[in-house]
Amino acid sequence: MAKYGGLAKLYFEEQDKTLPARDGKKGQLIKVEYHRFEENNFCSGSAFVPKQGGVEEDDGWIISFVHNEDTNISQVHIIDARKFDSKPVAKITLPQRVPYGFHGTFIPMPRQA
C-alpha cells in the first residue's frame, strides 16, 4: 500500500515563475504547493470538503487520515485548502489505528428541523 509523507496542491492554470529559465522561458511547469506531515507520519489519501456557500474553487478543507508510525497513533487532519502549506486547523486523535487505504466520502446533507 502506498503511503505519503505529505500532500500536493496543483494549480493547473498557473505556471511556477520561480523555476530557472529553460530554453529562454521561465515557469514552464505548473505551480505546486505542498502540505508536509511531521516525520514518520503518513497518509494514503485525502478528501476535499467544500465550504457551504464557498465562492472560490478551493473554499473548503482537505481531510486526511494520518498515521504516526513511531507512536502507532492515527489522527484526522483538517487542512484549510486556501492555506494549504500551513499547519492543520485541527487534529483529531482517533481511539484506534486507521489502516492505510481507508477512505471516506463527505456528502452534504440538508439540515433537518
Protein backbone atom coordinates (compact mmCIF):
# COMPACT_ATOMS: atom_id res chain seq x y z
CA MET A 1 0.00 0.00 0.00
CA ALA A 2 1.35 3.39 -0.96
CA LYS A 3 1.82 5.89 1.85
CA TYR A 4 2.64 9.57 1.59
CA GLY A 5 4.51 11.98 3.86
CA GLY A 6 2.53 14.94 2.57
CA LEU A 7 0.04 16.22 0.03
CA ALA A 8 0.37 18.39 -3.09
CA LYS A 9 -2.00 21.05 -4.41
CA LEU A 10 -1.66 21.63 -8.16
CA TYR A 11 -2.51 24.95 -9.81
CA PHE A 12 -3.20 23.90 -13.40
CA GLU A 13 -3.95 27.47 -14.51
CA GLU A 14 -0.70 28.93 -13.09
CA GLN A 15 2.94 28.47 -14.00
CA ASP A 16 5.76 28.34 -11.47
CA LYS A 17 7.66 31.55 -12.18
CA THR A 18 10.41 30.73 -9.65
CA LEU A 19 11.93 27.99 -11.79
CA PRO A 20 15.21 28.72 -13.60
CA ALA A 21 14.95 29.62 -17.26
CA ARG A 22 14.85 26.68 -19.66
CA ASP A 23 15.16 27.28 -23.38
CA GLY A 24 14.88 31.01 -22.64
CA LYS A 25 11.50 30.59 -20.91
CA LYS A 26 10.65 30.79 -17.21
CA GLY A 27 7.90 28.96 -15.41
CA GLN A 28 7.17 26.13 -17.78
CA LEU A 29 5.80 23.82 -15.07
CA ILE A 30 2.53 24.23 -13.21
CA LYS A 31 2.62 25.76 -9.74
CA VAL A 32 2.60 23.25 -6.85
CA GLU A 33 2.05 23.88 -3.14
CA TYR A 34 2.90 21.24 -0.51
CA HIS A 35 1.49 20.27 2.86
CA ARG A 36 4.06 18.09 4.64
CA PHE A 37 3.34 15.90 7.64
CA GLU A 38 5.66 15.58 10.62
CA GLU A 39 8.45 13.00 10.46
CA ASN A 40 7.24 9.36 10.28
CA ASN A 41 3.61 10.46 9.72
CA PHE A 42 1.90 9.18 6.60
CA CYS A 43 -1.46 9.07 4.84
CA SER A 44 -2.72 7.13 1.86
CA GLY A 45 -5.19 9.68 0.53
CA SER A 46 -7.40 12.64 1.29
CA ALA A 47 -10.80 14.13 0.50
CA PHE A 48 -11.96 17.68 -0.18
CA VAL A 49 -14.95 19.01 1.78
CA PRO A 50 -16.35 22.20 0.23
CA LYS A 51 -17.29 25.13 2.44
CA GLN A 52 -21.02 25.80 2.34
CA GLY A 53 -21.54 28.93 0.27
CA GLY A 54 -17.89 28.94 -0.83
CA VAL A 55 -17.11 31.04 -3.88
CA GLU A 56 -13.59 30.02 -4.88
CA GLU A 57 -12.68 26.56 -6.13
CA ASP A 58 -10.58 25.85 -3.03
CA ASP A 59 -13.01 27.20 -0.41
CA GLY A 60 -13.07 24.24 1.95
CA TRP A 61 -10.94 21.73 3.78
CA ILE A 62 -8.74 18.77 2.99
CA ILE A 63 -9.46 15.84 5.32
CA SER A 64 -6.85 13.09 5.70
CA PHE A 65 -6.30 10.12 7.99
CA VAL A 66 -2.68 10.39 9.16
CA HIS A 67 -0.81 7.63 10.99
CA ASN A 68 2.27 8.20 13.17
CA GLU A 69 4.47 5.12 12.77
CA ASP A 70 6.54 5.96 15.88
CA THR A 71 3.59 6.17 18.30
CA ASN A 72 1.10 3.99 16.37
CA ILE A 73 -1.49 6.79 16.75
CA SER A 74 -3.90 7.75 13.96
CA GLN A 75 -5.37 11.22 13.60
CA VAL A 76 -7.73 13.06 11.29
CA HIS A 77 -6.01 16.17 9.94
CA ILE A 78 -8.23 19.01 8.75
CA ILE A 79 -6.35 21.38 6.45
CA ASP A 80 -7.63 24.72 5.17
CA ALA A 81 -7.36 24.32 1.39
CA ARG A 82 -6.73 28.05 0.95
CA LYS A 83 -3.79 27.93 3.42
CA PHE A 84 -2.54 24.57 2.20
CA ASP A 85 1.06 24.81 3.37
CA SER A 86 0.05 25.91 6.90
CA LYS A 87 -0.46 23.68 9.93
CA PRO A 88 -3.81 21.83 10.08
CA VAL A 89 -6.68 23.82 11.58
CA ALA A 90 -7.46 20.72 13.66
CA LYS A 91 -6.04 17.30 14.51
CA ILE A 92 -8.43 14.73 15.95
CA THR A 93 -6.82 11.75 17.68
CA LEU A 94 -8.70 8.53 17.00
CA PRO A 95 -9.25 5.73 19.53
CA GLN A 96 -7.61 3.12 17.27
CA ARG A 97 -5.34 2.85 14.27
CA VAL A 98 -6.78 3.62 10.86
CA PRO A 99 -5.17 1.36 8.25
CA TYR A 100 -3.57 2.76 5.11
CA GLY A 101 -6.03 2.64 2.25
CA PHE A 102 -9.02 3.62 4.39
CA HIS A 103 -11.02 6.35 2.66
CA GLY A 104 -14.06 8.41 3.49
CA THR A 105 -16.59 10.36 1.47
CA PHE A 106 -18.20 13.57 2.65
CA ILE A 107 -21.64 14.29 1.28
CA PRO A 108 -23.56 17.46 2.15
CA MET A 109 -26.95 16.77 3.70
CA PRO A 110 -29.81 19.21 4.16
CA ARG A 111 -30.44 20.32 7.72
CA GLN A 112 -33.43 18.80 9.42
CA ALA A 113 -35.74 20.96 11.53
